[in-house]
Amino acid sequence: MFRNILVLFVFLPLYSFSQTLELDNRFENHQTRSDLGVFSAYFNTPSTELLSFHSAGRISLSTKDFESWGYAAGAKLAWLPLLANSVRLSQENGLGASTASSTLLFLGEIKGRPFRSLELFLIGGWYRRFVTLNKAHFLPALVGSNFSEHDFALNFGLAIDWSDSISTLFKVATFEEISVYNLNNPFIHAEISFNSLETLKITLYSRYKLLLGFGRLDSLTVGVSLPLSLKGSGHSPI
């Protein structure tokens, strides 16, 4: 019952104001803790060609327990088709360890198409994370945390349109739709998308997350996502 109430409380307000919804289901195989099934929803609300808003909600389950939940909200300002800036605030709560982290992320983005079927992108920025121990917070706690940390954030790669129905994306990143990782804890991401119909797109992806300081695997992720149009055209967050 608690899980259902939580999902409704977090997801429904985001759904009501959004134009696109992307459902995501993944399995994470971790080397040092329990494996997780992760269920996410990403929302996008373009306001103008210049400004868009995005948000996300997520719950994580192990075979034994409800492990964590989180959400994020942000805005993106596209100065030019090739240049953009964005800001995002995310909140994550680990229930097993009773910890909460609130993260502010500031990003700059540049992208271009040297060829019609190829897009290159580079996204970089800085984040500050505020961590609270032995207590979970529904709202971000940017004041009164036990400690804070900061680092650079990076996301770069390329997307290839092989045809009207098949495309691929490859990237190396230290952040995704909600979570932000330290610079020495990046992941390699590969995905393939199938557009069988104009309104149907299915994406299969895999992530290989590293601990660079120890030179070993941190986690391996496989997942599937399904974007849906709610009120019009839009674009899911990176």
Protein backbone atom coordinates (compact mmCIF):
# COMPACT_ATOMS: atom_id res chain seq x y z
CA MET A 1 0.00 0.00 0.00
CA PHE A 2 2.80 2.44 0.93
CA ARG A 3 4.50 1.89 -2.41
CA ASN A 4 1.31 2.60 -4.36
CA ILE A 5 0.64 5.79 -2.42
CA LEU A 6 4.22 6.96 -2.95
CA VAL A 7 4.10 6.35 -6.69
CA LEU A 8 0.82 8.25 -7.03
CA PHE A 9 2.03 11.13 -4.86
CA VAL A 10 5.23 11.62 -6.85
CA PHE A 11 4.20 10.68 -10.39
CA LEU A 12 0.67 12.03 -10.88
CA PRO A 13 1.46 15.75 -10.39
CA LEU A 14 4.32 15.41 -12.91
CA TYR A 15 2.08 13.56 -15.37
CA SER A 16 -0.66 16.20 -15.32
CA PHE A 17 1.63 19.01 -16.55
CA SER A 18 3.72 17.05 -19.08
CA GLN A 19 3.58 16.60 -22.83
CA THR A 20 5.72 13.49 -23.07
CA LEU A 21 6.20 10.57 -20.73
CA GLU A 22 8.97 7.97 -20.95
CA LEU A 23 8.58 4.76 -18.94
CA ASP A 24 11.81 2.97 -18.04
CA ASN A 25 12.41 -0.44 -16.47
CA ARG A 26 15.92 -1.67 -15.71
CA PHE A 27 17.79 -4.37 -13.85
CA GLU A 28 21.00 -3.42 -12.04
CA ASN A 29 23.54 -6.08 -11.09
CA HIS A 30 25.74 -4.59 -8.34
CA GLN A 31 29.07 -5.95 -7.16
CA THR A 32 28.90 -4.77 -3.55
CA ARG A 33 25.16 -4.66 -2.72
CA SER A 34 21.81 -6.19 -3.64
CA ASP A 35 20.68 -6.35 -7.24
CA LEU A 36 17.86 -3.95 -8.04
CA GLY A 37 14.82 -3.65 -10.22
CA VAL A 38 14.40 0.05 -11.02
CA PHE A 39 11.18 1.61 -12.30
CA SER A 40 11.29 5.19 -13.59
CA ALA A 41 9.12 7.74 -15.34
CA TYR A 42 10.56 10.78 -17.15
CA PHE A 43 8.41 13.78 -18.02
CA ASN A 44 9.07 16.64 -20.44
CA THR A 45 7.12 19.89 -20.84
CA PRO A 46 8.35 22.16 -23.65
CA SER A 47 7.20 25.72 -22.96
CA THR A 48 8.73 27.39 -26.02
CA GLU A 49 11.47 26.52 -28.50
CA LEU A 50 13.81 28.34 -26.13
CA LEU A 51 12.70 26.93 -22.78
CA SER A 52 11.65 23.45 -21.58
CA PHE A 53 11.05 21.81 -18.23
CA HIS A 54 11.70 18.20 -17.29
CA SER A 55 11.06 16.02 -14.26
CA ALA A 56 11.43 12.39 -13.23
CA GLY A 57 10.42 9.93 -10.53
CA ARG A 58 11.94 6.56 -9.59
CA ILE A 59 11.60 3.63 -7.18
CA SER A 60 14.12 0.80 -6.67
CA LEU A 61 13.29 -2.67 -5.37
CA SER A 62 15.47 -5.61 -4.39
CA THR A 63 14.23 -9.17 -4.05
CA LYS A 64 13.72 -8.55 -0.32
CA ASP A 65 12.83 -4.92 0.18
CA PHE A 66 11.86 -1.48 -1.11
CA GLU A 67 15.35 0.03 -1.38
CA SER A 68 15.08 3.65 -2.50
CA TRP A 69 13.05 6.32 -4.21
CA GLY A 70 13.89 9.64 -5.81
CA TYR A 71 12.81 12.40 -8.12
CA ALA A 72 14.24 15.33 -10.06
CA ALA A 73 13.07 18.54 -11.70
CA GLY A 74 14.89 20.97 -13.94
CA ALA A 75 14.80 23.47 -16.77
CA LYS A 76 16.71 23.77 -20.04
CA LEU A 77 17.42 26.96 -21.99
CA ALA A 78 18.36 26.39 -25.65
CA TRP A 79 20.13 29.54 -26.80
CA LEU A 80 20.80 28.10 -30.27
CA PRO A 81 20.12 24.72 -31.92
CA LEU A 82 23.72 23.81 -30.99
CA LEU A 83 24.01 25.39 -27.53
CA ALA A 84 22.02 25.02 -24.30
CA ASN A 85 22.25 25.42 -20.53
CA SER A 86 20.30 23.53 -17.91
CA VAL A 87 19.86 23.30 -14.15
CA ARG A 88 18.44 20.39 -12.17
CA LEU A 89 17.60 19.59 -8.56
CA SER A 90 17.26 15.94 -7.55
CA GLN A 91 16.38 14.15 -4.34
CA GLU A 92 17.26 10.52 -3.56
CA ASN A 93 16.45 8.54 -0.42
CA GLY A 94 18.06 5.22 0.46
CA LEU A 95 15.66 3.51 2.83
CA GLY A 96 17.89 0.63 3.89
CA ALA A 97 20.72 2.94 4.98
CA SER A 98 18.35 5.77 6.01
CA THR A 99 20.25 8.40 4.01
CA ALA A 100 19.10 11.24 1.82
CA SER A 101 21.00 13.23 -0.82
CA SER A 102 19.96 16.46 -2.53
CA THR A 103 21.92 17.38 -5.67
CA LEU A 104 22.12 20.63 -7.63
CA LEU A 105 23.46 20.12 -11.16
CA PHE A 106 24.45 22.91 -13.57
CA LEU A 107 25.21 21.98 -17.20
CA GLY A 108 26.28 23.43 -20.53
CA GLU A 109 25.62 21.53 -23.76
CA ILE A 110 27.00 21.68 -27.29
CA LYS A 111 25.93 19.38 -30.10
CA GLY A 112 26.20 19.23 -33.87
CA ARG A 113 25.62 17.11 -36.94
CA PRO A 114 28.70 16.81 -39.16
CA PHE A 115 26.59 14.42 -41.25
CA ARG A 116 22.83 14.13 -41.55
CA SER A 117 22.72 10.75 -39.82
CA LEU A 118 25.35 11.50 -37.14
CA GLU A 119 25.03 13.72 -34.08
CA LEU A 120 27.88 14.47 -31.69
CA PHE A 121 27.26 15.94 -28.23
CA LEU A 122 29.28 17.15 -25.26
CA ILE A 123 27.61 18.08 -21.96
CA GLY A 124 29.65 19.28 -19.02
CA GLY A 125 29.13 21.07 -15.75
CA TRP A 126 29.36 20.98 -11.99
CA TYR A 127 27.27 19.60 -9.15
CA ARG A 128 27.00 19.97 -5.40
CA ARG A 129 25.45 17.21 -3.30
CA PHE A 130 24.11 17.63 0.25
CA VAL A 131 23.95 14.37 2.25
CA THR A 132 21.87 13.74 5.37
CA LEU A 133 22.60 10.63 7.47
CA ASN A 134 20.11 8.53 9.45
CA LYS A 135 17.14 10.43 8.08
CA ALA A 136 15.06 10.47 4.90
CA HIS A 137 13.62 13.67 3.42
CA PHE A 138 10.80 14.02 0.95
CA LEU A 139 11.87 17.59 0.12
CA PRO A 140 15.47 18.52 -0.79
CA ALA A 141 17.55 19.52 2.23
CA LEU A 142 20.12 22.06 1.05
CA VAL A 143 20.56 23.44 4.58
CA GLY A 144 21.32 21.41 7.69
CA SER A 145 22.87 18.39 5.95
CA ASN A 146 25.60 16.34 7.62
CA PHE A 147 28.09 17.04 4.84
CA SER A 148 28.31 18.14 1.22
CA GLU A 149 30.53 17.30 -1.74
CA HIS A 150 31.05 18.62 -5.24
CA ASP A 151 32.68 17.55 -8.49
CA PHE A 152 32.55 18.05 -12.24
CA ALA A 153 29.92 16.30 -14.35
CA LEU A 154 30.43 14.97 -17.88
CA ASN A 155 28.38 13.35 -20.64
CA PHE A 156 29.70 12.92 -24.20
CA GLY A 157 29.00 10.62 -27.11
CA LEU A 158 27.31 10.22 -30.46
CA ALA A 159 23.95 9.21 -31.92
CA ILE A 160 23.56 7.51 -35.32
CA ASP A 161 20.35 7.28 -37.37
CA TRP A 162 20.78 4.13 -39.44
CA SER A 163 17.33 4.46 -41.00
CA ASP A 164 13.93 5.96 -40.27
CA SER A 165 13.20 3.03 -37.94
CA ILE A 166 16.56 2.21 -36.27
CA SER A 167 18.97 4.47 -34.36
CA THR A 168 21.77 3.96 -31.84
CA LEU A 169 23.42 6.05 -29.14
CA PHE A 170 26.76 5.61 -27.40
CA LYS A 171 28.02 7.76 -24.53
CA VAL A 172 30.25 8.00 -21.48
CA ALA A 173 28.65 9.89 -18.60
CA THR A 174 28.73 10.60 -14.88
CA PHE A 175 25.04 11.53 -14.59
CA GLU A 176 21.65 10.46 -15.92
CA GLU A 177 18.03 11.53 -15.49
CA ILE A 178 18.11 11.55 -11.67
CA SER A 179 21.38 10.23 -10.25
CA VAL A 180 24.71 12.07 -10.39
CA TYR A 181 27.94 10.15 -9.77
CA ASN A 182 31.46 11.19 -8.89
CA LEU A 183 33.89 11.78 -11.73
CA ASN A 184 35.75 8.55 -10.90
CA ASN A 185 32.50 6.54 -11.11
CA PRO A 186 31.35 6.92 -14.76
CA PHE A 187 29.30 4.56 -16.88
CA ILE A 188 29.50 3.49 -20.52
CA HIS A 189 26.06 3.50 -22.13
CA ALA A 190 24.93 1.88 -25.39
CA GLU A 191 21.37 1.80 -26.71
CA ILE A 192 19.39 0.89 -29.80
CA SER A 193 15.94 2.30 -30.62
CA PHE A 194 13.27 0.86 -32.88
CA ASN A 195 10.56 3.07 -34.40
CA SER A 196 7.98 0.57 -35.63
CA LEU A 197 5.23 3.18 -35.90
CA GLU A 198 5.12 6.96 -35.82
CA THR A 199 3.86 6.94 -32.23
CA LEU A 200 5.76 3.88 -30.96
CA LYS A 201 9.46 3.79 -30.07
CA ILE A 202 11.18 1.13 -27.99
CA THR A 203 14.73 1.56 -26.69
CA LEU A 204 16.95 -1.23 -25.36
CA TYR A 205 20.09 -0.20 -23.49
CA SER A 206 22.96 -1.40 -21.35
CA ARG A 207 25.32 0.38 -18.95
CA TYR A 208 28.70 -0.66 -17.64
CA LYS A 209 29.54 1.39 -14.55
CA LEU A 210 33.14 1.61 -13.36
CA LEU A 211 35.09 2.41 -10.21
CA LEU A 212 38.16 3.99 -11.79
CA GLY A 213 40.14 4.29 -8.57
CA PHE A 214 39.90 0.52 -8.07
CA GLY A 215 39.93 -0.42 -11.75
CA ARG A 216 36.92 -2.71 -11.54
CA LEU A 217 33.25 -3.05 -12.40
CA ASP A 218 30.77 -1.31 -10.10
CA SER A 219 27.47 -2.37 -11.72
CA LEU A 220 26.03 -3.71 -14.95
CA THR A 221 22.61 -2.49 -16.08
CA VAL A 222 20.20 -3.62 -18.79
CA GLY A 223 16.92 -1.85 -19.45
CA VAL A 224 14.10 -0.93 -21.79
CA SER A 225 12.30 2.40 -22.19
CA LEU A 226 9.11 3.41 -23.97
CA PRO A 227 8.40 7.11 -24.76
CA LEU A 228 4.75 8.15 -25.02
CA SER A 229 3.24 11.37 -26.33
CA LEU A 230 0.70 12.80 -23.87
CA LYS A 231 -0.33 16.18 -25.31
CA GLY A 232 1.91 16.74 -28.27
CA SER A 233 5.46 16.36 -29.49
CA GLY A 234 8.41 16.70 -27.15
CA HIS A 235 11.78 15.35 -26.20
CA SER A 236 12.75 13.26 -23.21
CA PRO A 237 15.61 14.53 -21.02
CA ILE A 238 19.15 13.32 -21.57
